[in-house]
Amino acid sequence: MNEYEPLRVLYGLFLGAFIIIAGVLTLTSKDEPGIGFRIGYTYLSERARRKANRVSGIGTILTGVALIILSPFLPMAGLIAIMLLVSLGAIFYAVFIALTSAYEEGYY
């Protein structure tokens, strides 16, 4: 057992917990200007903002859960790779949802 393994697991647990908190804040944000998923179309359309916040909030929560579950098993580089892959996937999907919602409302 490596002497840094408990620190890596604790780092993964705390980082995962903070990411879950950020995801919950994004998921439950109402109309706060500084919290949530914000791009140009989410400022124009309330429906696009709600959908994008829901998708990005769930994706962020899933990122945190994945970090907590995988922290005892993966090295730090693996945890960072998982965090980037899941987060970027959630971001791209949230942008797609915001664009399609704004397009349906005639803003695009």
C-alpha atoms as a PDB file:
ATOM      1  CA  MET A   1       0.000   0.000   0.000  1.00  0.00           C
ATOM      2  CA  ASN A   2       1.301   3.401  -0.973  1.00  0.00           C
ATOM      3  CA  GLU A   3       1.646   5.949   1.844  1.00  0.00           C
ATOM      4  CA  TYR A   4      -0.263   8.523  -0.249  1.00  0.00           C
ATOM      5  CA  GLU A   5      -3.236   6.286  -0.984  1.00  0.00           C
ATOM      6  CA  PRO A   6      -5.377   7.452   2.000  1.00  0.00           C
ATOM      7  CA  LEU A   7      -4.753  11.075   0.981  1.00  0.00           C
ATOM      8  CA  ARG A   8      -5.790  10.341  -2.600  1.00  0.00           C
ATOM      9  CA  VAL A   9      -8.995   8.677  -1.381  1.00  0.00           C
ATOM     10  CA  LEU A  10      -9.767  11.616   0.925  1.00  0.00           C
ATOM     11  CA  TYR A  11      -9.061  14.061  -1.894  1.00  0.00           C
ATOM     12  CA  GLY A  12     -11.459  12.156  -4.139  1.00  0.00           C
ATOM     13  CA  LEU A  13     -14.117  12.100  -1.425  1.00  0.00           C
ATOM     14  CA  PHE A  14     -13.898  15.807  -0.652  1.00  0.00           C
ATOM     15  CA  LEU A  15     -13.698  16.828  -4.308  1.00  0.00           C
ATOM     16  CA  GLY A  16     -16.666  14.593  -5.100  1.00  0.00           C
ATOM     17  CA  ALA A  17     -18.663  16.077  -2.219  1.00  0.00           C
ATOM     18  CA  PHE A  18     -17.972  19.645  -3.345  1.00  0.00           C
ATOM     19  CA  ILE A  19     -18.890  18.780  -6.928  1.00  0.00           C
ATOM     20  CA  ILE A  20     -22.156  17.220  -5.707  1.00  0.00           C
ATOM     21  CA  ILE A  21     -22.935  20.414  -3.765  1.00  0.00           C
ATOM     22  CA  ALA A  22     -22.271  22.484  -6.907  1.00  0.00           C
ATOM     23  CA  GLY A  23     -24.547  20.162  -8.892  1.00  0.00           C
ATOM     24  CA  VAL A  24     -27.357  20.503  -6.363  1.00  0.00           C
ATOM     25  CA  LEU A  25     -27.019  24.294  -6.454  1.00  0.00           C
ATOM     26  CA  THR A  26     -27.150  24.236 -10.246  1.00  0.00           C
ATOM     27  CA  LEU A  27     -30.117  21.881 -10.275  1.00  0.00           C
ATOM     28  CA  THR A  28     -32.124  23.961  -7.796  1.00  0.00           C
ATOM     29  CA  SER A  29     -31.146  27.450  -8.987  1.00  0.00           C
ATOM     30  CA  LYS A  30     -34.135  29.599  -9.772  1.00  0.00           C
ATOM     31  CA  ASP A  31     -33.205  32.950 -11.285  1.00  0.00           C
ATOM     32  CA  GLU A  32     -29.892  33.753  -9.631  1.00  0.00           C
ATOM     33  CA  PRO A  33     -27.522  35.423 -12.087  1.00  0.00           C
ATOM     34  CA  GLY A  34     -24.355  33.811 -10.720  1.00  0.00           C
ATOM     35  CA  ILE A  35     -25.504  30.230 -10.163  1.00  0.00           C
ATOM     36  CA  GLY A  36     -26.277  27.709 -12.837  1.00  0.00           C
ATOM     37  CA  PHE A  37     -25.470  27.002 -16.443  1.00  0.00           C
ATOM     38  CA  ARG A  38     -25.309  30.280 -18.338  1.00  0.00           C
ATOM     39  CA  ILE A  39     -24.790  30.840 -22.042  1.00  0.00           C
ATOM     40  CA  GLY A  40     -26.418  33.389 -24.314  1.00  0.00           C
ATOM     41  CA  TYR A  41     -29.509  31.325 -25.035  1.00  0.00           C
ATOM     42  CA  THR A  42     -30.211  30.674 -21.371  1.00  0.00           C
ATOM     43  CA  TYR A  43     -30.453  34.441 -20.849  1.00  0.00           C
ATOM     44  CA  LEU A  44     -32.993  34.715 -23.654  1.00  0.00           C
ATOM     45  CA  SER A  45     -35.207  31.753 -22.858  1.00  0.00           C
ATOM     46  CA  GLU A  46     -36.465  30.730 -19.433  1.00  0.00           C
ATOM     47  CA  ARG A  47     -37.273  27.256 -20.736  1.00  0.00           C
ATOM     48  CA  ALA A  48     -33.757  26.811 -22.112  1.00  0.00           C
ATOM     49  CA  ARG A  49     -32.301  27.951 -18.774  1.00  0.00           C
ATOM     50  CA  ARG A  50     -34.403  25.493 -16.780  1.00  0.00           C
ATOM     51  CA  LYS A  51     -33.570  22.575 -19.070  1.00  0.00           C
ATOM     52  CA  ALA A  52     -29.852  23.372 -19.267  1.00  0.00           C
ATOM     53  CA  ASN A  53     -29.621  23.783 -15.480  1.00  0.00           C
ATOM     54  CA  ARG A  54     -31.385  20.476 -14.963  1.00  0.00           C
ATOM     55  CA  VAL A  55     -29.107  18.612 -17.372  1.00  0.00           C
ATOM     56  CA  SER A  56     -25.880  20.213 -16.168  1.00  0.00           C
ATOM     57  CA  GLY A  57     -26.891  19.812 -12.510  1.00  0.00           C
ATOM     58  CA  ILE A  58     -27.569  16.106 -12.928  1.00  0.00           C
ATOM     59  CA  GLY A  59     -24.327  15.690 -14.879  1.00  0.00           C
ATOM     60  CA  THR A  60     -22.384  17.503 -12.177  1.00  0.00           C
ATOM     61  CA  ILE A  61     -23.929  15.353  -9.453  1.00  0.00           C
ATOM     62  CA  LEU A  62     -23.058  12.218 -11.431  1.00  0.00           C
ATOM     63  CA  THR A  63     -19.478  13.470 -11.762  1.00  0.00           C
ATOM     64  CA  GLY A  64     -19.196  13.856  -7.996  1.00  0.00           C
ATOM     65  CA  VAL A  65     -20.717  10.441  -7.349  1.00  0.00           C
ATOM     66  CA  ALA A  66     -18.323   8.831  -9.846  1.00  0.00           C
ATOM     67  CA  LEU A  67     -15.360  10.479  -8.111  1.00  0.00           C
ATOM     68  CA  ILE A  68     -16.481   9.275  -4.695  1.00  0.00           C
ATOM     69  CA  ILE A  69     -17.089   5.714  -5.895  1.00  0.00           C
ATOM     70  CA  LEU A  70     -13.900   5.419  -7.948  1.00  0.00           C
ATOM     71  CA  SER A  71     -11.480   7.227  -5.610  1.00  0.00           C
ATOM     72  CA  PRO A  72     -10.344   4.052  -3.777  1.00  0.00           C
ATOM     73  CA  PHE A  73      -9.685   2.214  -7.044  1.00  0.00           C
ATOM     74  CA  LEU A  74      -8.137   4.686  -9.498  1.00  0.00           C
ATOM     75  CA  PRO A  75      -4.932   6.710  -9.360  1.00  0.00           C
ATOM     76  CA  MET A  76      -5.145  10.502  -9.374  1.00  0.00           C
ATOM     77  CA  ALA A  77      -4.686  10.716 -13.147  1.00  0.00           C
ATOM     78  CA  GLY A  78      -7.618   8.338 -13.609  1.00  0.00           C
ATOM     79  CA  LEU A  79      -9.820  10.408 -11.309  1.00  0.00           C
ATOM     80  CA  ILE A  80      -8.967  13.579 -13.198  1.00  0.00           C
ATOM     81  CA  ALA A  81      -9.685  11.850 -16.516  1.00  0.00           C
ATOM     82  CA  ILE A  82     -13.071  10.614 -15.265  1.00  0.00           C
ATOM     83  CA  MET A  83     -13.882  14.078 -13.918  1.00  0.00           C
ATOM     84  CA  LEU A  84     -13.020  15.743 -17.231  1.00  0.00           C
ATOM     85  CA  LEU A  85     -14.831  13.203 -19.404  1.00  0.00           C
ATOM     86  CA  VAL A  86     -18.074  13.206 -17.429  1.00  0.00           C
ATOM     87  CA  SER A  87     -18.038  16.987 -16.907  1.00  0.00           C
ATOM     88  CA  LEU A  88     -17.342  17.771 -20.560  1.00  0.00           C
ATOM     89  CA  GLY A  89     -20.031  15.334 -21.655  1.00  0.00           C
ATOM     90  CA  ALA A  90     -22.546  17.032 -19.366  1.00  0.00           C
ATOM     91  CA  ILE A  91     -21.505  20.488 -20.583  1.00  0.00           C
ATOM     92  CA  PHE A  92     -21.818  19.589 -24.265  1.00  0.00           C
ATOM     93  CA  TYR A  93     -25.181  17.951 -23.669  1.00  0.00           C
ATOM     94  CA  ALA A  94     -26.420  20.984 -21.707  1.00  0.00           C
ATOM     95  CA  VAL A  95     -25.345  23.298 -24.545  1.00  0.00           C
ATOM     96  CA  PHE A  96     -27.196  21.069 -27.007  1.00  0.00           C
ATOM     97  CA  ILE A  97     -30.337  21.128 -24.836  1.00  0.00           C
ATOM     98  CA  ALA A  98     -30.157  24.925 -24.462  1.00  0.00           C
ATOM     99  CA  LEU A  99     -29.722  25.417 -28.208  1.00  0.00           C
ATOM    100  CA  THR A 100     -32.604  23.112 -29.117  1.00  0.00           C
ATOM    101  CA  SER A 101     -34.881  24.721 -26.526  1.00  0.00           C
ATOM    102  CA  ALA A 102     -34.050  28.202 -27.763  1.00  0.00           C
ATOM    103  CA  TYR A 103     -34.536  27.049 -31.364  1.00  0.00           C
ATOM    104  CA  GLU A 104     -37.988  25.661 -30.523  1.00  0.00           C
ATOM    105  CA  GLU A 105     -38.976  29.023 -29.066  1.00  0.00           C
ATOM    106  CA  GLY A 106     -37.729  30.934 -32.100  1.00  0.00           C
ATOM    107  CA  TYR A 107     -34.612  32.563 -30.616  1.00  0.00           C
ATOM    108  CA  TYR A 108     -32.207  30.772 -32.936  1.00  0.00           C
END
